[in-house]
Protein backbone atom coordinates (compact mmCIF):
# COMPACT_ATOMS: atom_id res chain seq x y z
CA MET A 1 -26.00 14.17 8.79
CA ALA A 2 -25.60 14.73 5.06
CA GLU A 3 -28.76 14.20 3.06
CA GLU A 4 -28.30 12.00 0.01
CA ALA A 5 -30.88 11.57 -2.73
CA LYS A 6 -30.11 7.87 -2.75
CA LYS A 7 -27.70 5.39 -1.25
CA ALA A 8 -25.31 3.02 -2.96
CA LYS A 9 -26.32 -0.64 -2.76
CA GLN A 10 -23.42 -1.36 -0.43
CA GLU A 11 -24.86 1.07 2.13
CA THR A 12 -28.06 -0.94 2.38
CA VAL A 13 -26.07 -4.15 2.76
CA LYS A 14 -23.98 -2.70 5.60
CA GLU A 15 -27.00 -1.32 7.42
CA ALA A 16 -28.83 -4.65 7.22
CA SER A 17 -25.77 -6.75 8.09
CA ASN A 18 -26.26 -6.83 11.89
CA PHE A 19 -22.84 -5.30 12.41
CA LEU A 20 -21.04 -7.21 9.63
CA ARG A 21 -22.53 -10.65 10.32
CA GLY A 22 -24.76 -11.02 7.29
CA THR A 23 -25.11 -14.72 6.63
CA ILE A 24 -21.35 -15.36 6.58
CA ALA A 25 -21.42 -18.04 9.29
CA GLU A 26 -24.22 -19.93 7.55
CA GLU A 27 -22.48 -19.71 4.17
CA LEU A 28 -19.21 -20.95 5.64
CA ALA A 29 -20.98 -24.15 6.67
CA ARG A 30 -22.29 -24.79 3.14
CA ASP A 31 -20.29 -26.92 0.71
CA THR A 32 -19.95 -24.28 -1.99
CA ARG A 33 -16.99 -22.52 -3.59
CA LYS A 34 -18.17 -18.94 -3.08
CA PHE A 35 -20.32 -16.52 -1.11
CA GLY A 36 -23.21 -14.48 -2.43
CA SER A 37 -22.52 -10.88 -3.40
CA ALA A 38 -23.79 -9.32 -0.16
CA ASP A 39 -21.68 -11.58 2.05
CA ALA A 40 -18.68 -11.19 -0.29
CA GLY A 41 -18.87 -7.44 0.32
CA LEU A 42 -19.08 -7.91 4.09
CA LEU A 43 -16.15 -10.33 4.05
CA LYS A 44 -13.87 -7.42 3.15
CA PHE A 45 -14.37 -5.98 6.64
CA HIS A 46 -13.23 -9.36 7.98
CA GLY A 47 -10.04 -9.10 5.92
CA THR A 48 -10.69 -11.21 2.84
CA TYR A 49 -11.62 -10.67 -0.81
CA GLN A 50 -13.44 -13.26 -2.89
CA GLN A 51 -11.61 -13.60 -6.21
CA ASP A 52 -11.35 -15.94 -9.15
CA ASP A 53 -8.23 -17.02 -10.99
CA ARG A 54 -8.56 -15.46 -14.41
CA ASP A 55 -5.76 -17.63 -15.81
CA ALA A 56 -7.80 -20.70 -14.91
CA ARG A 57 -11.00 -19.49 -16.56
CA LYS A 58 -9.96 -20.83 -19.94
CA HIS A 59 -9.66 -24.33 -18.48
CA ARG A 60 -13.23 -24.39 -17.12
CA LYS A 61 -15.59 -26.98 -18.47
CA PRO A 62 -19.09 -25.89 -19.52
CA GLY A 63 -21.29 -25.47 -16.46
CA ASP A 64 -18.39 -25.24 -14.01
CA ASP A 65 -18.20 -22.37 -11.52
CA LYS A 66 -15.39 -19.88 -11.82
CA PRO A 67 -12.27 -21.04 -9.92
CA TYR A 68 -12.99 -18.99 -6.80
CA SER A 69 -10.47 -18.47 -4.03
CA PHE A 70 -9.78 -15.83 -1.40
CA MET A 71 -7.10 -13.29 -0.71
CA VAL A 72 -6.63 -12.99 3.07
CA ARG A 73 -5.03 -9.77 4.30
CA THR A 74 -3.48 -9.37 7.75
CA ARG A 75 -3.46 -5.99 9.45
CA VAL A 76 -0.01 -5.21 10.91
CA PRO A 77 0.18 -1.64 12.33
CA GLY A 78 3.56 -0.15 11.46
CA GLY A 79 4.60 -3.52 9.98
CA LYS A 80 5.78 -4.95 13.35
CA VAL A 81 5.86 -8.77 13.46
CA SER A 82 7.45 -11.36 15.70
CA ALA A 83 9.42 -14.32 14.36
CA ASP A 84 6.51 -16.65 15.18
CA GLN A 85 4.02 -14.42 13.38
CA PHE A 86 6.17 -14.27 10.26
CA LEU A 87 6.66 -18.04 10.29
CA THR A 88 2.92 -18.59 10.81
CA GLU A 89 2.11 -16.55 7.71
CA LEU A 90 4.74 -18.44 5.69
CA SER A 91 3.30 -21.74 6.85
CA LEU A 92 -0.28 -20.73 6.03
CA GLY A 93 0.76 -19.70 2.55
CA GLU A 94 2.25 -23.13 1.98
CA ARG A 95 -0.47 -25.23 3.62
CA LEU A 96 -3.62 -23.32 2.73
CA GLY A 97 -2.65 -20.77 0.07
CA ASN A 98 -0.86 -20.78 -3.25
CA GLY A 99 2.57 -21.40 -1.74
CA THR A 100 3.60 -17.74 -1.53
CA LEU A 101 3.30 -14.85 0.91
CA ARG A 102 3.06 -11.20 -0.10
CA ILE A 103 4.09 -8.06 1.76
CA THR A 104 1.67 -5.27 0.90
CA THR A 105 2.35 -1.61 0.16
CA ARG A 106 0.58 -0.81 3.46
CA GLN A 107 2.96 -2.96 5.55
CA GLY A 108 0.64 -5.93 5.92
CA PHE A 109 0.58 -9.54 4.70
CA GLN A 110 -1.52 -11.10 1.97
CA LEU A 111 -2.17 -14.78 1.40
CA HIS A 112 -3.48 -15.70 -2.03
CA GLY A 113 -5.31 -18.76 -3.32
CA VAL A 114 -7.10 -19.74 -0.10
CA VAL A 115 -10.18 -21.79 -0.99
CA LYS A 116 -13.46 -21.37 0.87
CA GLY A 117 -13.08 -24.61 2.80
CA ASN A 118 -9.78 -23.36 4.25
CA LEU A 119 -10.89 -19.81 4.99
CA GLN A 120 -12.00 -20.31 8.57
CA GLU A 121 -8.82 -22.19 9.51
CA THR A 122 -6.63 -19.56 7.87
CA ILE A 123 -8.16 -16.59 9.71
CA HIS A 124 -8.35 -18.55 12.96
CA GLU A 125 -4.63 -19.40 12.79
CA ILE A 126 -3.69 -15.79 12.07
CA ASN A 127 -5.55 -14.76 15.22
CA LYS A 128 -3.82 -17.46 17.25
CA SER A 129 -0.53 -15.79 16.29
CA LEU A 130 -1.90 -12.56 17.86
CA LEU A 131 -2.39 -10.83 14.51
CA THR A 132 -5.76 -10.07 12.95
CA THR A 133 -7.43 -9.68 9.59
CA LEU A 134 -10.24 -7.53 11.04
CA ALA A 135 -10.43 -4.18 9.22
CA ALA A 136 -7.57 -5.00 6.88
CA CYS A 137 -10.11 -4.25 4.13
CA GLY A 138 -13.59 -2.71 4.01
CA ASP A 139 -15.11 0.71 4.68
CA VAL A 140 -13.14 1.36 7.86
CA ASP A 141 -9.72 2.56 8.85
CA ARG A 142 -7.31 0.06 7.34
CA ASN A 143 -3.77 -0.78 8.37
CA VAL A 144 -2.13 2.22 10.04
CA MET A 145 1.20 2.85 8.35
CA CYS A 146 4.27 4.13 10.16
CA CYS A 147 7.96 4.46 9.43
CA PRO A 148 9.18 0.94 10.28
CA ALA A 149 12.76 1.83 11.28
CA PRO A 150 13.37 0.40 14.79
CA HIS A 151 15.44 3.33 16.04
CA HIS A 152 15.36 3.36 19.83
CA ASN A 153 16.33 5.97 22.39
CA ASP A 154 15.90 8.83 19.91
CA GLY A 155 12.71 10.25 21.39
CA VAL A 156 10.96 9.90 18.04
CA HIS A 157 10.47 6.49 16.44
CA ASP A 158 9.11 4.64 19.48
CA ARG A 159 6.61 7.46 20.07
CA MET A 160 5.52 7.39 16.40
CA GLN A 161 4.98 3.66 16.55
CA ALA A 162 3.05 4.06 19.81
CA SER A 163 0.76 6.52 17.99
CA ALA A 164 0.23 3.97 15.20
CA ASP A 165 -0.66 1.25 17.70
CA ALA A 166 -3.02 3.53 19.62
CA ILE A 167 -4.85 4.67 16.48
CA ALA A 168 -5.16 1.08 15.23
CA ARG A 169 -6.67 -0.07 18.54
CA HIS A 170 -8.97 2.95 18.80
CA LEU A 171 -10.38 2.60 15.30
CA THR A 172 -10.78 -1.18 15.28
CA PRO A 173 -14.47 -2.06 14.73
CA GLN A 174 -16.19 -3.04 17.98
CA THR A 175 -18.60 -5.61 16.51
CA ARG A 176 -18.34 -9.09 18.05
CA ALA A 177 -19.17 -10.66 14.68
CA TYR A 178 -15.53 -11.19 13.72
CA PHE A 179 -14.71 -13.15 16.88
CA GLU A 180 -17.95 -15.11 16.77
CA ILE A 181 -17.28 -16.30 13.22
CA TRP A 182 -13.51 -16.76 13.10
CA VAL A 183 -11.99 -16.91 16.57
CA ASP A 184 -13.87 -18.53 19.45
CA LYS A 185 -17.58 -18.84 18.85
CA GLU A 186 -18.59 -20.39 22.17
CA LYS A 187 -16.53 -18.11 24.43
CA VAL A 188 -17.74 -14.96 22.68
CA ALA A 189 -21.33 -16.12 22.76
CA GLU A 190 -21.10 -16.40 26.56
CA GLN A 191 -19.94 -12.78 26.76
CA SER A 192 -22.43 -11.39 24.25
CA ALA A 193 -24.92 -9.74 26.58
CA GLY A 194 -26.41 -6.62 25.03
CA PRO A 195 -26.38 -5.29 21.48
CA ASP A 196 -23.32 -4.44 19.42
CA VAL A 197 -22.35 -0.77 19.37
CA GLU A 198 -19.99 1.05 16.99
CA PRO A 199 -19.41 4.37 18.79
CA ILE A 200 -17.18 5.79 16.04
CA TYR A 201 -18.40 4.11 12.86
CA GLY A 202 -22.13 3.60 13.43
CA ASN A 203 -24.03 0.68 11.94
CA ALA A 204 -23.21 1.66 8.33
CA TYR A 205 -19.48 2.19 8.98
CA LEU A 206 -17.70 4.66 6.68
CA PRO A 207 -18.74 5.59 3.13
CA ARG A 208 -15.48 4.12 1.78
CA LYS A 209 -12.08 2.81 2.84
CA PHE A 210 -9.96 5.06 5.04
CA LYS A 211 -6.17 5.24 5.35
CA ILE A 212 -3.87 6.74 7.97
CA GLY A 213 -0.07 6.99 7.97
CA ILE A 214 2.70 8.51 10.10
CA ALA A 215 5.98 9.87 8.72
CA LEU A 216 8.88 12.20 9.46
CA PRO A 217 10.05 15.20 7.41
CA GLU A 218 13.42 13.52 6.78
CA ASP A 219 11.82 10.16 5.92
CA ASN A 220 8.58 9.99 3.96
CA CYS A 221 8.86 6.25 3.31
CA ILE A 222 5.07 5.84 3.81
CA ASP A 223 3.96 8.51 1.28
CA VAL A 224 2.20 10.55 3.96
CA TYR A 225 0.52 12.93 1.49
CA THR A 226 -1.41 10.06 -0.11
CA GLN A 227 -3.31 9.16 3.09
CA ASP A 228 -6.82 10.21 4.14
CA ILE A 229 -5.10 11.38 7.32
CA GLY A 230 -1.35 11.91 7.23
CA LEU A 231 0.51 12.64 10.45
CA LEU A 232 3.88 14.31 9.85
CA GLY A 233 6.07 14.29 12.95
CA VAL A 234 7.32 17.57 14.39
CA VAL A 235 10.54 17.15 16.39
CA GLU A 236 11.90 19.80 18.74
CA GLY A 237 14.87 19.34 21.01
CA GLY A 238 15.19 15.72 19.91
CA GLN A 239 11.64 14.91 21.01
CA LEU A 240 8.50 14.18 18.97
CA VAL A 241 6.23 16.97 20.24
CA GLY A 242 3.33 16.55 17.84
CA TYR A 243 2.18 16.21 14.26
CA ASN A 244 1.17 18.25 11.28
CA VAL A 245 -2.20 16.82 10.25
CA LEU A 246 -2.68 16.34 6.50
CA VAL A 247 -6.17 15.54 5.20
CA GLY A 248 -7.71 14.44 1.93
CA GLY A 249 -5.03 12.38 0.22
CA GLY A 250 -5.87 9.39 -1.97
CA LEU A 251 -4.71 8.09 -5.35
CA GLY A 252 -7.43 5.89 -6.88
CA ALA A 253 -9.38 7.16 -9.89
CA THR A 254 -11.95 5.97 -12.43
CA PRO A 255 -10.79 6.87 -15.97
CA SER A 256 -14.34 6.97 -17.33
CA ASP A 257 -15.38 9.48 -14.64
CA GLN A 258 -13.71 12.88 -14.90
CA ASP A 259 -14.97 13.77 -11.42
CA THR A 260 -12.50 11.27 -9.92
CA PHE A 261 -8.78 11.93 -9.60
CA PRO A 262 -5.69 11.30 -7.50
CA ARG A 263 -5.12 13.94 -4.84
CA LEU A 264 -2.45 14.82 -2.29
CA GLY A 265 -3.48 15.79 1.22
CA ASP A 266 -3.76 19.37 2.48
CA ARG A 267 -1.84 20.66 5.49
CA MET A 268 -4.66 21.33 7.98
CA ALA A 269 -3.24 21.84 11.47
CA PHE A 270 -0.55 21.17 14.05
CA ILE A 271 -1.58 19.07 17.05
CA ALA A 272 0.26 18.07 20.20
CA TYR A 273 1.32 14.45 20.58
CA ASP A 274 -1.37 13.67 23.16
CA ASP A 275 -4.15 15.07 20.95
CA VAL A 276 -3.83 12.44 18.22
CA LEU A 277 -6.80 10.23 19.16
CA PRO A 278 -9.42 12.96 19.63
CA VAL A 279 -8.41 14.76 16.43
CA VAL A 280 -8.25 11.58 14.34
CA THR A 281 -11.62 10.52 15.74
CA ALA A 282 -13.20 13.86 14.85
CA ILE A 283 -11.91 13.66 11.27
CA VAL A 284 -13.17 10.10 10.86
CA MET A 285 -16.60 11.09 12.20
CA VAL A 286 -16.85 14.05 9.82
CA GLN A 287 -16.18 11.66 6.93
CA ARG A 288 -18.72 9.23 8.41
CA ASP A 289 -21.43 11.88 8.53
CA PHE A 290 -20.72 13.88 5.38
CA GLY A 291 -18.90 11.55 2.99
CA ASN A 292 -20.71 10.58 -0.20
CA ARG A 293 -22.86 7.47 0.39
CA ALA A 294 -24.59 7.64 -3.00
CA ASP A 295 -21.62 7.32 -5.37
CA ARG A 296 -18.78 5.05 -4.21
CA LYS A 297 -16.51 6.42 -6.92
CA ARG A 298 -16.58 9.75 -5.04
CA ALA A 299 -16.92 8.39 -1.50
CA ARG A 300 -13.32 8.81 -0.33
CA MET A 301 -12.66 11.70 2.03
CA LYS A 302 -10.46 13.42 -0.54
CA TYR A 303 -13.59 14.40 -2.47
CA LEU A 304 -15.23 15.84 0.63
CA VAL A 305 -12.14 17.97 1.33
CA HIS A 306 -11.93 18.96 -2.35
CA ASP A 307 -15.62 19.88 -2.64
CA TRP A 308 -15.86 21.74 0.67
CA GLY A 309 -12.43 23.35 0.65
CA LEU A 310 -9.98 23.09 3.52
CA PRO A 311 -11.35 26.00 5.64
CA ARG A 312 -14.87 24.55 5.77
CA PHE A 313 -13.57 21.03 6.44
CA LYS A 314 -11.29 22.25 9.24
CA ALA A 315 -14.15 24.22 10.80
CA LYS A 316 -16.33 21.11 10.84
CA VAL A 317 -13.55 19.08 12.50
CA GLU A 318 -13.23 21.81 15.13
CA GLU A 319 -16.99 21.64 15.66
CA TYR A 320 -16.73 17.89 16.26
CA LEU A 321 -13.98 18.65 18.79
CA GLY A 322 -16.43 20.69 20.81
CA GLY A 323 -15.56 24.05 19.31
CA ARG A 324 -11.85 23.84 19.94
CA THR A 325 -9.60 25.83 17.57
CA LEU A 326 -6.80 23.89 15.89
CA ALA A 327 -3.41 25.55 15.44
CA ASP A 328 -2.00 26.29 12.00
CA PRO A 329 0.49 23.74 10.62
CA HIS A 330 4.11 23.89 11.74
CA PRO A 331 6.43 25.10 8.91
CA VAL A 332 8.25 21.75 8.72
CA ASP A 333 7.61 19.64 5.61
CA ILE A 334 9.02 16.63 3.73
CA HIS A 335 12.66 16.82 2.72
CA GLY A 336 13.91 13.20 2.76
CA TYR A 337 13.19 9.56 2.06
CA ASP A 338 14.71 6.29 3.28
CA ASP A 339 13.85 2.73 2.26
CA HIS A 340 15.87 1.40 5.25
CA LEU A 341 17.69 -1.32 3.30
CA GLY A 342 21.09 -2.49 4.49
CA TRP A 343 22.70 -2.72 7.93
CA HIS A 344 21.88 0.02 10.50
CA PRO A 345 22.39 0.61 14.25
CA GLN A 346 19.16 0.73 16.26
CA GLY A 347 20.48 2.97 19.03
CA ASN A 348 20.28 0.28 21.71
CA GLY A 349 23.44 -1.66 20.93
CA LYS A 350 21.70 -3.83 18.32
CA PHE A 351 21.22 -3.56 14.57
CA TYR A 352 18.59 -3.99 11.88
CA PHE A 353 19.11 -5.24 8.34
CA GLY A 354 16.81 -4.36 5.44
CA ILE A 355 16.33 -6.91 2.63
CA ASN A 356 14.69 -6.05 -0.69
CA VAL A 357 11.68 -8.20 -1.61
CA GLU A 358 10.85 -7.59 -5.26
CA ASN A 359 7.19 -6.52 -5.49
CA GLY A 360 6.67 -7.96 -2.01
CA ARG A 361 6.33 -11.57 -3.22
CA ILE A 362 8.00 -14.12 -0.94
CA LYS A 363 8.51 -17.33 -2.89
CA ASP A 364 11.15 -19.77 -4.11
CA GLU A 365 11.79 -19.53 -7.83
CA GLY A 366 14.87 -20.76 -9.64
CA SER A 367 18.09 -19.79 -7.89
CA LEU A 368 16.30 -17.25 -5.68
CA ARG A 369 14.96 -19.18 -2.69
CA LEU A 370 13.65 -16.21 -0.77
CA LYS A 371 10.94 -18.07 1.14
CA THR A 372 13.29 -20.80 2.33
CA GLY A 373 16.02 -18.30 3.15
CA LEU A 374 13.77 -16.07 5.24
CA ARG A 375 12.39 -19.09 7.05
CA CYS A 376 15.94 -20.17 7.91
CA LEU A 377 16.79 -16.70 9.19
CA PHE A 378 13.70 -16.39 11.41
CA GLU A 379 14.06 -19.92 12.75
CA ARG A 380 17.78 -19.51 13.39
CA PHE A 381 17.85 -16.07 15.04
CA ARG A 382 14.24 -15.67 16.29
CA MET A 383 14.43 -11.90 15.71
CA PRO A 384 11.39 -9.68 15.17
CA GLY A 385 10.80 -8.11 11.77
CA ARG A 386 9.28 -5.00 10.26
CA LEU A 387 7.43 -4.86 6.94
CA THR A 388 8.19 -1.75 4.93
CA PRO A 389 5.96 0.45 2.71
CA GLN A 390 8.20 -0.61 -0.20
CA GLN A 391 7.16 -4.25 0.37
CA SER A 392 10.52 -5.24 1.81
CA ILE A 393 11.49 -6.55 5.25
CA LEU A 394 13.73 -5.42 8.09
CA LEU A 395 15.33 -8.02 10.35
CA CYS A 396 15.54 -6.37 13.79
CA ASP A 397 17.35 -6.70 17.13
CA LEU A 398 20.41 -8.27 15.52
CA GLU A 399 23.73 -8.76 17.28
CA LEU A 400 26.78 -7.51 15.41
CA GLU A 401 28.43 -10.94 15.59
CA TRP A 402 25.54 -12.43 13.58
CA LYS A 403 26.27 -10.33 10.51
CA GLU A 404 28.57 -12.70 8.63
CA GLU A 405 26.33 -15.70 9.25
CA ILE A 406 23.30 -13.76 8.02
CA LEU A 407 25.14 -12.71 4.86
CA ALA A 408 26.27 -16.29 4.29
CA LEU A 409 22.67 -17.52 4.57
CA LEU A 410 21.57 -14.91 2.06
CA ARG A 411 24.24 -16.01 -0.42
CA GLU A 412 23.32 -19.67 0.10
CA HIS A 413 19.71 -18.94 -0.90
CA GLY A 414 20.49 -16.56 -3.76
CA ILE A 415 19.15 -13.50 -1.90
CA LYS A 416 20.91 -10.29 -2.93
CA THR A 417 21.70 -7.40 -0.62
CA HIS A 418 20.79 -3.86 -1.64
CA GLU A 419 24.35 -3.28 -2.90
CA GLU A 420 23.89 -6.17 -5.35
CA ILE A 421 20.70 -4.95 -7.03
CA SER A 422 20.27 -1.99 -9.34
CA SER A 423 18.94 1.33 -8.12
CA VAL A 424 15.92 1.08 -10.43
CA ARG A 425 14.99 -2.37 -9.08
CA ARG A 426 15.48 -1.17 -5.51
CA PHE A 427 12.89 1.59 -5.92
CA ALA A 428 10.41 -0.28 -8.14
CA MET A 429 6.99 -1.53 -7.01
CA ALA A 430 4.04 -3.28 -8.61
CA CYS A 431 0.59 -4.38 -7.47
CA PRO A 432 -0.54 -8.05 -7.74
CA ALA A 433 -2.94 -7.39 -10.66
CA LEU A 434 -3.62 -10.53 -12.75
CA PRO A 435 -4.56 -13.28 -12.33
CA THR A 436 -6.57 -12.82 -9.12
CA CYS A 437 -7.39 -9.14 -8.63
CA GLY A 438 -10.89 -8.53 -9.92
CA LEU A 439 -10.10 -4.89 -10.72
CA ALA A 440 -7.00 -5.57 -12.84
CA ILE A 441 -7.17 -4.55 -16.48
CA THR A 442 -3.75 -5.93 -17.31
CA GLU A 443 -0.52 -7.29 -15.80
CA ALA A 444 1.70 -5.65 -13.19
CA GLU A 445 3.63 -7.82 -10.71
CA ARG A 446 4.28 -10.65 -13.17
CA VAL A 447 5.74 -8.38 -15.86
CA MET A 448 7.48 -5.73 -13.77
CA PRO A 449 10.72 -7.73 -13.29
CA ALA A 450 11.14 -8.01 -17.06
CA VAL A 451 10.45 -4.27 -17.50
CA VAL A 452 13.15 -3.56 -14.92
CA ASP A 453 15.54 -6.01 -16.64
CA GLU A 454 15.17 -4.09 -19.90
CA LEU A 455 15.36 -0.72 -18.21
CA GLU A 456 18.58 -1.71 -16.42
CA VAL A 457 20.25 -2.27 -19.80
CA GLU A 458 19.22 1.13 -21.15
CA LEU A 459 20.23 2.97 -17.98
CA ALA A 460 23.65 1.29 -18.06
CA LYS A 461 24.16 2.37 -21.68
CA LEU A 462 23.49 5.97 -20.66
CA GLY A 463 25.57 5.84 -17.49
CA LEU A 464 22.46 6.48 -15.41
CA ASP A 465 22.40 3.18 -13.56
CA ALA A 466 23.12 4.84 -10.19
CA GLU A 467 20.22 7.28 -10.45
CA LYS A 468 17.60 7.06 -7.69
CA PHE A 469 14.07 7.25 -9.02
CA THR A 470 10.81 5.46 -8.43
CA ILE A 471 9.03 3.43 -11.08
CA ARG A 472 5.71 1.88 -10.06
CA MET A 473 3.26 -0.23 -12.03
CA THR A 474 -0.39 -1.07 -11.43
CA GLY A 475 -2.78 -3.19 -13.44
CA CYS A 476 -5.55 -0.60 -13.12
CA PRO A 477 -6.01 3.05 -12.03
CA ASN A 478 -6.80 2.17 -8.40
CA ALA A 479 -3.18 2.87 -7.52
CA CYS A 480 -2.33 0.15 -4.96
CA ALA A 481 1.40 0.62 -5.66
CA ARG A 482 1.10 4.43 -5.48
CA PRO A 483 2.07 5.08 -9.13
CA TYR A 484 0.74 8.65 -9.22
CA THR A 485 3.50 10.09 -7.01
CA SER A 486 6.42 8.22 -8.61
CA ASP A 487 9.03 9.59 -11.02
CA ILE A 488 7.62 7.15 -13.60
CA GLY A 489 4.18 5.62 -13.23
CA LEU A 490 2.85 2.78 -15.39
CA VAL A 491 -0.92 2.35 -15.04
CA GLY A 492 -2.97 -0.31 -16.83
CA LYS A 493 -5.23 1.29 -19.42
CA ALA A 494 -6.32 -1.69 -21.54
CA VAL A 495 -5.22 -5.29 -21.97
CA GLY A 496 -1.46 -5.19 -22.47
CA ARG A 497 -1.40 -1.37 -22.64
CA TYR A 498 -0.35 1.29 -20.15
CA THR A 499 -0.51 4.98 -19.44
CA ILE A 500 2.98 6.38 -18.78
CA LEU A 501 3.06 9.19 -16.23
CA VAL A 502 6.12 11.27 -15.37
CA GLY A 503 7.13 14.07 -13.03
CA GLY A 504 6.46 12.71 -9.56
CA ARG A 505 9.31 12.35 -7.13
CA LEU A 506 10.95 10.02 -4.63
CA LEU A 507 9.88 12.35 -1.80
CA GLY A 508 6.20 11.65 -2.56
CA THR A 509 5.14 15.31 -2.47
CA ARG A 510 4.06 15.81 -6.08
CA LEU A 511 1.67 14.07 -8.44
CA ASN A 512 2.94 13.06 -11.86
CA VAL A 513 1.16 13.78 -15.14
CA ILE A 514 0.24 11.79 -18.23
CA TYR A 515 3.09 11.54 -20.73
CA LYS A 516 1.79 8.88 -23.12
CA GLU A 517 -1.36 6.77 -23.35
CA MET A 518 -2.09 3.24 -24.56
CA VAL A 519 1.55 2.14 -24.79
CA PRO A 520 1.94 -1.60 -25.45
CA LEU A 521 3.93 -3.41 -22.77
CA ARG A 522 6.66 -4.41 -25.23
CA GLU A 523 7.22 -0.71 -26.08
CA VAL A 524 7.20 0.78 -22.58
CA VAL A 525 10.96 0.89 -22.04
CA GLN A 526 11.70 2.08 -25.57
CA GLU A 527 9.25 4.94 -25.04
CA LEU A 528 11.22 5.90 -21.93
CA VAL A 529 14.62 5.92 -23.68
CA PRO A 530 14.27 9.39 -25.31
CA LEU A 531 13.17 10.75 -21.94
CA LEU A 532 16.30 9.33 -20.31
CA VAL A 533 18.53 10.64 -23.11
CA TYR A 534 17.06 14.13 -22.67
CA PHE A 535 17.47 13.90 -18.90
CA LYS A 536 21.15 13.04 -19.21
CA ALA A 537 21.80 15.81 -21.73
CA ASP A 538 19.91 18.68 -20.11
CA ARG A 539 19.54 18.02 -16.39
CA GLN A 540 20.59 20.56 -13.80
CA PRO A 541 23.16 19.64 -11.12
CA ASP A 542 21.76 17.02 -8.73
CA GLU A 543 18.34 17.22 -10.44
CA SER A 544 16.27 14.04 -10.15
CA LEU A 545 14.46 12.46 -13.08
CA GLY A 546 11.06 13.45 -11.71
CA ASP A 547 12.16 17.01 -11.02
CA PHE A 548 13.59 17.25 -14.54
CA CYS A 549 10.32 16.10 -16.11
CA HIS A 550 8.34 18.49 -13.92
CA ARG A 551 10.58 21.41 -14.87
CA LYS A 552 10.47 20.68 -18.60
CA GLY A 553 6.76 19.88 -18.82
CA VAL A 554 5.08 17.28 -21.02
CA GLU A 555 4.94 19.46 -24.15
CA ASP A 556 8.71 19.95 -24.15
CA LEU A 557 9.38 16.29 -23.34
CA LEU A 558 7.22 15.18 -26.26
CA ARG A 559 8.93 17.65 -28.58
CA PHE A 560 12.32 16.12 -27.75
CA ASP A 561 10.84 12.63 -28.07
CA ALA A 562 9.68 13.38 -31.62
CA GLU A 563 13.02 14.94 -32.61
CA TYR A 564 14.98 12.03 -31.12
CA LYS A 565 12.90 9.42 -32.93
CA ASN A 566 13.08 11.31 -36.20
CA LEU A 567 16.87 11.56 -35.95
CA SER A 568 17.15 7.89 -35.01
CA SER A 569 14.99 6.95 -37.98
CA GLN A 570 17.18 8.96 -40.35
CA GLU A 571 20.36 7.41 -38.96
CA SER A 572 18.83 3.96 -39.29
CA GLY A 573 17.97 4.68 -42.92
CA ILE A 574 21.51 5.82 -43.68
CA ARG A 575 22.98 2.69 -42.10
CA SER A 576 20.65 0.44 -44.09
CA GLN A 577 21.62 2.15 -47.37
CA SER A 578 25.31 1.73 -46.66
């Protein structure tokens, strides 16, 4: 075990929690609006964050508590949901939440605005639908991501999704606390002979959150290089024979701490398909035993891989595998990306249809009645769905003769198909940020549509409206919407101000770099215009925006920016004189 001079406070709380129980059950029974800090930390393992509505703070009367509520996150491996499960989440959002439902960037659900008195019912109902919130948050393996495309009979996608399901089951915490508190207290109590045991995690669980995702070289829709463990499928003869294992990805950073940074994973080894569970388990246990438990800012596995170097890390994983030698990575790597929107054959005589959900928020607002429309679709056709890493949804197992009726229902509810939205909107993402996220410095989801509106106008003027590039916004540097791999990243720096980063790419295989700092929201698009002008004038054939920025470098981009603004200023002066 790694020796640490001290432990973070959260480590002591976990160790003393009796396998995540704390005093959560007792606090649930009390007529209060919030939990104490120790229990609030433990609640994350159960799938919920205690938050307060920062918009509502200004309406508080002296002596009132903050307006506390809870975000409840459902773990959905690979994003696979039944019609009943989707409808249950919609119903819970209306009855017990803030009236909306959100698809996360990790293919799960989030309910917002659940008050403490409704928390037990909410989590209990999610479990009745055969989903769970257990390990959707906390210092454990979180939702296992996987390409959501329901392609059958191709020897690949079903096997990938089986890997995701197997990993999710294998790494689910074994404590009975979750079921005692939220599911069926009496039945579990009858079966509770003997102490709890966590054979993989131990009684202190992991030093920090842990993320796993599965992708294909031709379709990196899950951003496999940003995961603690990325599994990149290797296909030979039309069959998924194994995975390249990538280790040490992660995007969150703390601006005030130069020892923290976003990082892409390293290519560690190739493993056969049947070796996934033992290898994943060994990697998780190495992080458990050697990850930083003193400084949570440097507790993610990416820092362990960075500090040790890949050879030492790989050797330790091999040691945990009983001395077995892991093969070098297969030469295959990422070369494609698919957001799966539109109408596609599944390979079994049926079809799936991908619908864009802007920033993942399912709600009715104005002429766009997305929540009502999706409810009608799931009630009418009873098809399963898949949640995508771009926060959209795939309607699956569709019959061809349903197509016109589905399109008519979309039109009736103001829901646009992918052909009816701009390319920039299609590939945009934003995190929830204000008002409920406690980490948010500034806005993201609520302002991103207006940023895209303005950007659409400028792209149309330049004839670039068909360009495919990613633009992602977060309200803080923790990177929930994966802004550090996008062509353009907008990261909250201060209230109403953003860092602009450029030079990532749609494929998700390169980090972007800082272009400008402390840009006011109202100036973000105008600061991007010279960049777009330069791109149009000096791009190479078929070069993407991110590749162009990477090739030119920030110094050259800023030089053009200054020249463009100077020329524009001169032209403006001439026009005003005339």
